[in-house]
Amino acid sequence: AEQQRKKEEQKQKEEQAKLAEEQREKEERARLAEEQRQKDEQSRLAEEQRQKEEQAKLVEEQRQKEQARLAEEQRQKDEQSRLAEEQRQKEEQAKLAEEQRQKEEQARLAEVAED
């Protein structure tokens, strides 16, 4: 009977050791799975961040292009205005010159008439 009891105890000890080992393995697997989950989450967040930055870069590039386009339009408008003003001044000058020429013609004719 003593022999039988010792055998039983030994069997129970082995069974407990086996269960403890299985439990330890289960916890290890759970720990590794959790680590993997965190790594994946980290990767996902990093990817989101990268995409946000890429988006921001594209938006900024677009803004700068638009800025450049508007500046170019403004430059062309200013150039147009400058040319129009030059043209107006030339015409004004021509008109004054023509008036001057007519005055001198009138004066010459008046002189001729006096003679």
Protein backbone atom coordinates (compact mmCIF):
# COMPACT_ATOMS: atom_id res chain seq x y z
CA ALA A 1 0.00 0.00 0.00
CA GLU A 2 2.84 2.37 0.87
CA GLN A 3 4.41 1.53 -2.49
CA GLN A 4 1.08 2.26 -4.21
CA ARG A 5 0.70 5.61 -2.36
CA LYS A 6 4.22 6.72 -3.35
CA LYS A 7 3.53 5.76 -6.94
CA GLU A 8 0.32 7.85 -6.87
CA GLU A 9 2.17 10.85 -5.39
CA GLN A 10 4.90 10.56 -8.01
CA LYS A 11 2.28 10.39 -10.76
CA GLN A 12 0.51 13.48 -9.35
CA LYS A 13 3.78 15.40 -9.08
CA GLU A 14 4.60 14.59 -12.70
CA GLU A 15 1.09 15.59 -13.78
CA GLN A 16 1.42 18.93 -11.92
CA ALA A 17 4.85 19.54 -13.39
CA LYS A 18 3.42 18.88 -16.86
CA LEU A 19 0.50 21.25 -16.25
CA ALA A 20 2.85 23.93 -14.86
CA GLU A 21 5.06 23.57 -17.97
CA GLU A 22 2.02 23.84 -20.25
CA GLN A 23 0.83 26.92 -18.33
CA ARG A 24 4.31 28.49 -18.66
CA GLU A 25 4.33 27.80 -22.41
CA LYS A 26 0.83 29.25 -22.75
CA GLU A 27 1.89 32.45 -20.94
CA GLU A 28 5.03 32.68 -23.09
CA ARG A 29 2.93 32.37 -26.27
CA ALA A 30 0.53 35.02 -24.97
CA ARG A 31 3.45 37.34 -24.16
CA LEU A 32 4.94 36.89 -27.64
CA ALA A 33 1.55 37.43 -29.26
CA GLU A 34 1.10 40.64 -27.27
CA GLU A 35 4.58 41.84 -28.28
CA GLN A 36 3.74 41.11 -31.91
CA ARG A 37 0.43 42.97 -31.58
CA GLN A 38 2.24 46.00 -30.16
CA LYS A 39 4.84 45.88 -32.94
CA ASP A 40 2.08 45.72 -35.55
CA GLU A 41 0.30 48.64 -33.89
CA GLN A 42 3.55 50.62 -33.86
CA SER A 43 4.08 49.86 -37.56
CA ARG A 44 0.52 50.90 -38.36
CA LEU A 45 0.94 54.19 -36.50
CA ALA A 46 4.30 54.84 -38.16
CA GLU A 47 2.73 54.20 -41.58
CA GLU A 48 -0.17 56.55 -40.76
CA GLN A 49 2.32 59.20 -39.67
CA ARG A 50 4.32 58.73 -42.89
CA GLN A 51 1.16 59.11 -44.96
CA LYS A 52 0.12 62.24 -43.04
CA GLU A 53 3.53 63.78 -43.65
CA GLU A 54 3.39 62.84 -47.34
CA GLN A 55 -0.07 64.42 -47.57
CA ALA A 56 1.15 67.58 -45.83
CA LYS A 57 4.12 67.76 -48.21
CA LEU A 58 1.83 67.46 -51.24
CA VAL A 59 -0.53 70.11 -49.86
CA GLU A 60 2.42 72.45 -49.25
CA GLU A 61 3.79 71.86 -52.76
CA GLN A 62 0.33 72.58 -54.18
CA ARG A 63 0.12 75.79 -52.12
CA GLN A 64 3.51 76.95 -53.34
CA LYS A 65 2.59 76.21 -56.98
CA GLU A 66 -0.61 78.22 -56.57
CA GLN A 67 1.38 81.05 -54.94
CA ALA A 68 3.83 81.06 -57.85
CA ARG A 69 0.98 81.04 -60.37
CA LEU A 70 -0.70 84.02 -58.68
CA ALA A 71 2.59 85.90 -58.47
CA GLU A 72 3.19 85.29 -62.19
CA GLU A 73 -0.33 86.50 -63.03
CA GLN A 74 0.28 89.63 -60.94
CA ARG A 75 3.62 90.21 -62.67
CA GLN A 76 1.96 89.94 -66.09
CA LYS A 77 -0.83 92.32 -65.04
CA ASP A 78 1.76 94.83 -63.79
CA GLU A 79 3.70 94.50 -67.05
CA GLN A 80 0.48 95.04 -69.03
CA SER A 81 -0.32 98.15 -66.97
CA ARG A 82 3.19 99.49 -67.45
CA LEU A 83 3.00 99.01 -71.23
CA ALA A 84 -0.45 100.59 -71.38
CA GLU A 85 0.83 103.59 -69.40
CA GLU A 86 3.83 103.93 -71.73
CA GLN A 87 1.48 103.77 -74.71
CA ARG A 88 -0.76 106.45 -73.18
CA GLN A 89 2.23 108.71 -72.56
CA LYS A 90 3.50 108.23 -76.14
CA GLU A 91 0.08 109.16 -77.51
CA GLU A 92 -0.08 112.19 -75.19
CA GLN A 93 3.39 113.22 -76.40
CA ALA A 94 2.36 112.79 -80.04
CA LYS A 95 -0.81 114.84 -79.47
CA LEU A 96 1.20 117.65 -77.84
CA ALA A 97 3.76 117.56 -80.65
CA GLU A 98 0.95 117.75 -83.23
CA GLU A 99 -0.63 120.72 -81.38
CA GLN A 100 2.79 122.41 -81.27
CA ARG A 101 3.28 121.79 -85.00
CA GLN A 102 -0.16 123.28 -85.75
CA LYS A 103 0.57 126.36 -83.61
CA GLU A 104 3.84 126.91 -85.45
CA GLU A 105 2.05 126.42 -88.81
CA GLN A 106 -0.58 128.95 -87.73
CA ALA A 107 2.10 131.44 -86.67
CA ARG A 108 3.94 130.94 -89.98
CA LEU A 109 0.74 131.50 -91.94
CA ALA A 110 -0.04 134.59 -89.87
CA GLU A 111 3.45 135.92 -90.60
CA VAL A 112 3.04 135.22 -94.30
CA ALA A 113 -0.33 137.01 -94.24
CA GLU A 114 1.26 140.05 -92.55
CA ASP A 115 3.88 140.25 -95.26
